[in-house]
Amino acid sequence: MKIAITAQGPERTSDVDTRFGRAKWIVVVDTDTGESQSHDNKVNLTLAQGAGIQTGQNVANLGVDAVITGNVGPNAYKTLAAGEVRIFLVSGGSVEQAVTAFKQGQLEEVQQANVEGHWI
């Protein structure tokens, strides 16, 4: 299974970025092989609007099955749901800790946005 984790940096030791649309990095981890790839998302940091949609489209295009993030707004949620990407919430920690919690079934899957749009 491929999962995308919003992160402050490109490493698996990086802290999770609790913002989805304006996360600095997206780290994709294949839970079957353990391989990971990092994708720079800084272009969306300064968007006045649409960061959640743009990041959602980018993540869906990576072919991931799920996203782990701290918060997801309504537009990002709709974009991910349309791409059949499941969304799980984490409150903090490193990318590696988030992956471990996901594998152990400790993360909450959301069925709707958990913050309003333009949440920072």
C-alpha atoms as a PDB file:
ATOM      1  CA  MET A   1       0.000   0.000   0.000  1.00  0.00           C
ATOM      2  CA  LYS A   2       1.282   3.468  -0.846  1.00  0.00           C
ATOM      3  CA  ILE A   3       0.622   6.202   1.695  1.00  0.00           C
ATOM      4  CA  ALA A   4       1.433   9.909   1.522  1.00  0.00           C
ATOM      5  CA  ILE A   5       2.403  11.741   4.697  1.00  0.00           C
ATOM      6  CA  THR A   6       2.498  15.534   4.944  1.00  0.00           C
ATOM      7  CA  ALA A   7       5.876  16.519   6.344  1.00  0.00           C
ATOM      8  CA  GLN A   8       8.049  19.444   7.423  1.00  0.00           C
ATOM      9  CA  GLY A   9      11.032  17.957   5.578  1.00  0.00           C
ATOM     10  CA  PRO A  10      11.920  15.282   3.015  1.00  0.00           C
ATOM     11  CA  GLU A  11      13.162  12.604   5.425  1.00  0.00           C
ATOM     12  CA  ARG A  12      11.266   9.881   7.236  1.00  0.00           C
ATOM     13  CA  THR A  13      12.662  11.370  10.449  1.00  0.00           C
ATOM     14  CA  SER A  14      11.038  14.732   9.602  1.00  0.00           C
ATOM     15  CA  ASP A  15       8.099  15.949  11.671  1.00  0.00           C
ATOM     16  CA  VAL A  16       4.622  15.523  10.256  1.00  0.00           C
ATOM     17  CA  ASP A  17       3.221  18.792   8.870  1.00  0.00           C
ATOM     18  CA  THR A  18      -0.295  19.092  10.297  1.00  0.00           C
ATOM     19  CA  ARG A  19      -1.413  21.244   7.358  1.00  0.00           C
ATOM     20  CA  PHE A  20      -2.440  19.332   4.272  1.00  0.00           C
ATOM     21  CA  GLY A  21      -2.620  21.877   1.457  1.00  0.00           C
ATOM     22  CA  ARG A  22       0.300  23.955   2.626  1.00  0.00           C
ATOM     23  CA  ALA A  23       2.528  21.125   3.820  1.00  0.00           C
ATOM     24  CA  LYS A  24       6.157  21.694   2.851  1.00  0.00           C
ATOM     25  CA  TRP A  25       6.753  18.113   1.745  1.00  0.00           C
ATOM     26  CA  ILE A  26       4.821  14.987   0.837  1.00  0.00           C
ATOM     27  CA  VAL A  27       6.642  11.777   1.742  1.00  0.00           C
ATOM     28  CA  VAL A  28       5.257   8.700  -0.009  1.00  0.00           C
ATOM     29  CA  VAL A  29       5.951   5.374   1.682  1.00  0.00           C
ATOM     30  CA  ASP A  30       5.245   1.947   0.236  1.00  0.00           C
ATOM     31  CA  THR A  31       4.249  -0.099   3.272  1.00  0.00           C
ATOM     32  CA  ASP A  32       4.961  -3.366   1.426  1.00  0.00           C
ATOM     33  CA  THR A  33       8.534  -2.618   0.328  1.00  0.00           C
ATOM     34  CA  GLY A  34       9.510   0.100   2.820  1.00  0.00           C
ATOM     35  CA  GLU A  35      10.680   2.345  -0.018  1.00  0.00           C
ATOM     36  CA  SER A  36       9.959   6.066   0.165  1.00  0.00           C
ATOM     37  CA  GLN A  37      10.024   9.105  -2.115  1.00  0.00           C
ATOM     38  CA  SER A  38       9.827  12.762  -1.141  1.00  0.00           C
ATOM     39  CA  HIS A  39       7.952  15.393  -3.135  1.00  0.00           C
ATOM     40  CA  ASP A  40       8.497  19.119  -2.618  1.00  0.00           C
ATOM     41  CA  ASN A  41       5.150  20.868  -2.057  1.00  0.00           C
ATOM     42  CA  LYS A  42       6.496  24.346  -1.247  1.00  0.00           C
ATOM     43  CA  VAL A  43       4.927  25.826  -4.392  1.00  0.00           C
ATOM     44  CA  ASN A  44       1.544  25.597  -2.628  1.00  0.00           C
ATOM     45  CA  LEU A  45       2.691  27.406   0.535  1.00  0.00           C
ATOM     46  CA  THR A  46       2.021  30.852  -0.897  1.00  0.00           C
ATOM     47  CA  LEU A  47      -1.187  30.230  -2.827  1.00  0.00           C
ATOM     48  CA  ALA A  48      -3.914  32.647  -1.752  1.00  0.00           C
ATOM     49  CA  GLN A  49      -6.498  29.941  -2.332  1.00  0.00           C
ATOM     50  CA  GLY A  50      -6.700  26.464  -3.784  1.00  0.00           C
ATOM     51  CA  ALA A  51      -3.730  24.957  -1.929  1.00  0.00           C
ATOM     52  CA  GLY A  52      -5.823  22.039  -0.662  1.00  0.00           C
ATOM     53  CA  ILE A  53      -7.208  21.285  -4.101  1.00  0.00           C
ATOM     54  CA  GLN A  54      -3.799  21.522  -5.792  1.00  0.00           C
ATOM     55  CA  THR A  55      -2.063  19.381  -3.180  1.00  0.00           C
ATOM     56  CA  GLY A  56      -4.961  16.905  -3.279  1.00  0.00           C
ATOM     57  CA  GLN A  57      -4.644  16.561  -7.050  1.00  0.00           C
ATOM     58  CA  ASN A  58      -0.878  16.157  -6.804  1.00  0.00           C
ATOM     59  CA  VAL A  59      -1.215  13.471  -4.134  1.00  0.00           C
ATOM     60  CA  ALA A  60      -3.922  11.593  -6.056  1.00  0.00           C
ATOM     61  CA  ASN A  61      -1.704  11.671  -9.156  1.00  0.00           C
ATOM     62  CA  LEU A  62       1.055   9.950  -7.161  1.00  0.00           C
ATOM     63  CA  GLY A  63      -1.155   6.856  -7.036  1.00  0.00           C
ATOM     64  CA  VAL A  64      -1.374   6.639  -3.265  1.00  0.00           C
ATOM     65  CA  ASP A  65      -4.059   4.699  -1.431  1.00  0.00           C
ATOM     66  CA  ALA A  66      -4.112   6.880   1.680  1.00  0.00           C
ATOM     67  CA  VAL A  67      -2.946  10.174   3.168  1.00  0.00           C
ATOM     68  CA  ILE A  68      -1.765  10.803   6.713  1.00  0.00           C
ATOM     69  CA  THR A  69      -2.001  14.417   7.842  1.00  0.00           C
ATOM     70  CA  GLY A  70      -3.024  16.494  10.826  1.00  0.00           C
ATOM     71  CA  ASN A  71      -5.891  18.410   9.246  1.00  0.00           C
ATOM     72  CA  VAL A  72      -7.805  18.406   5.985  1.00  0.00           C
ATOM     73  CA  GLY A  73     -10.180  21.120   4.781  1.00  0.00           C
ATOM     74  CA  PRO A  74     -13.375  20.652   2.756  1.00  0.00           C
ATOM     75  CA  ASN A  75     -11.897  21.242  -0.708  1.00  0.00           C
ATOM     76  CA  ALA A  76      -8.918  18.991  -0.079  1.00  0.00           C
ATOM     77  CA  TYR A  77     -11.239  16.329   1.332  1.00  0.00           C
ATOM     78  CA  LYS A  78     -13.471  16.429  -1.758  1.00  0.00           C
ATOM     79  CA  THR A  79     -10.460  16.249  -4.082  1.00  0.00           C
ATOM     80  CA  LEU A  80      -8.947  13.277  -2.258  1.00  0.00           C
ATOM     81  CA  ALA A  81     -12.299  11.491  -1.985  1.00  0.00           C
ATOM     82  CA  ALA A  82     -12.839  11.926  -5.736  1.00  0.00           C
ATOM     83  CA  GLY A  83      -9.460  10.247  -6.265  1.00  0.00           C
ATOM     84  CA  GLU A  84     -10.496   7.432  -3.888  1.00  0.00           C
ATOM     85  CA  VAL A  85      -7.707   8.331  -1.463  1.00  0.00           C
ATOM     86  CA  ARG A  86      -8.441   7.481   2.178  1.00  0.00           C
ATOM     87  CA  ILE A  87      -7.535  10.089   4.819  1.00  0.00           C
ATOM     88  CA  PHE A  88      -6.102   9.377   8.263  1.00  0.00           C
ATOM     89  CA  LEU A  89      -5.326  11.911  10.980  1.00  0.00           C
ATOM     90  CA  VAL A  90      -2.261  12.156  13.175  1.00  0.00           C
ATOM     91  CA  SER A  91      -1.547  14.817  15.803  1.00  0.00           C
ATOM     92  CA  GLY A  92       2.232  14.991  15.415  1.00  0.00           C
ATOM     93  CA  GLY A  93       5.436  12.999  15.571  1.00  0.00           C
ATOM     94  CA  SER A  94       7.726  11.985  12.749  1.00  0.00           C
ATOM     95  CA  VAL A  95       6.834  10.532   9.370  1.00  0.00           C
ATOM     96  CA  GLU A  96       8.201   7.173  10.523  1.00  0.00           C
ATOM     97  CA  GLN A  97       6.081   7.275  13.696  1.00  0.00           C
ATOM     98  CA  ALA A  98       3.004   8.071  11.591  1.00  0.00           C
ATOM     99  CA  VAL A  99       3.708   5.111   9.305  1.00  0.00           C
ATOM    100  CA  THR A 100       4.108   2.808  12.314  1.00  0.00           C
ATOM    101  CA  ALA A 101       0.853   4.060  13.865  1.00  0.00           C
ATOM    102  CA  PHE A 102      -0.907   3.536  10.515  1.00  0.00           C
ATOM    103  CA  LYS A 103       0.376  -0.036  10.207  1.00  0.00           C
ATOM    104  CA  GLN A 104      -0.794  -0.752  13.766  1.00  0.00           C
ATOM    105  CA  GLY A 105      -4.291   0.595  13.027  1.00  0.00           C
ATOM    106  CA  GLN A 106      -3.945   3.444  15.528  1.00  0.00           C
ATOM    107  CA  LEU A 107      -4.963   6.340  13.249  1.00  0.00           C
ATOM    108  CA  GLU A 108      -8.463   7.706  12.802  1.00  0.00           C
ATOM    109  CA  GLU A 109      -9.873   7.586   9.276  1.00  0.00           C
ATOM    110  CA  VAL A 110     -12.023  10.624   8.520  1.00  0.00           C
ATOM    111  CA  GLN A 111     -15.147  10.742   6.382  1.00  0.00           C
ATOM    112  CA  GLN A 112     -15.277  14.535   6.147  1.00  0.00           C
ATOM    113  CA  ALA A 113     -13.096  17.606   6.571  1.00  0.00           C
ATOM    114  CA  ASN A 114     -11.967  18.217  10.141  1.00  0.00           C
ATOM    115  CA  VAL A 115     -11.232  21.955   9.701  1.00  0.00           C
ATOM    116  CA  GLU A 116     -12.774  24.841   7.793  1.00  0.00           C
ATOM    117  CA  GLY A 117     -11.303  26.017   4.506  1.00  0.00           C
ATOM    118  CA  HIS A 118      -8.277  28.347   4.640  1.00  0.00           C
ATOM    119  CA  TRP A 119      -7.229  26.922   8.012  1.00  0.00           C
ATOM    120  CA  ILE A 120      -3.642  27.830   8.831  1.00  0.00           C
END
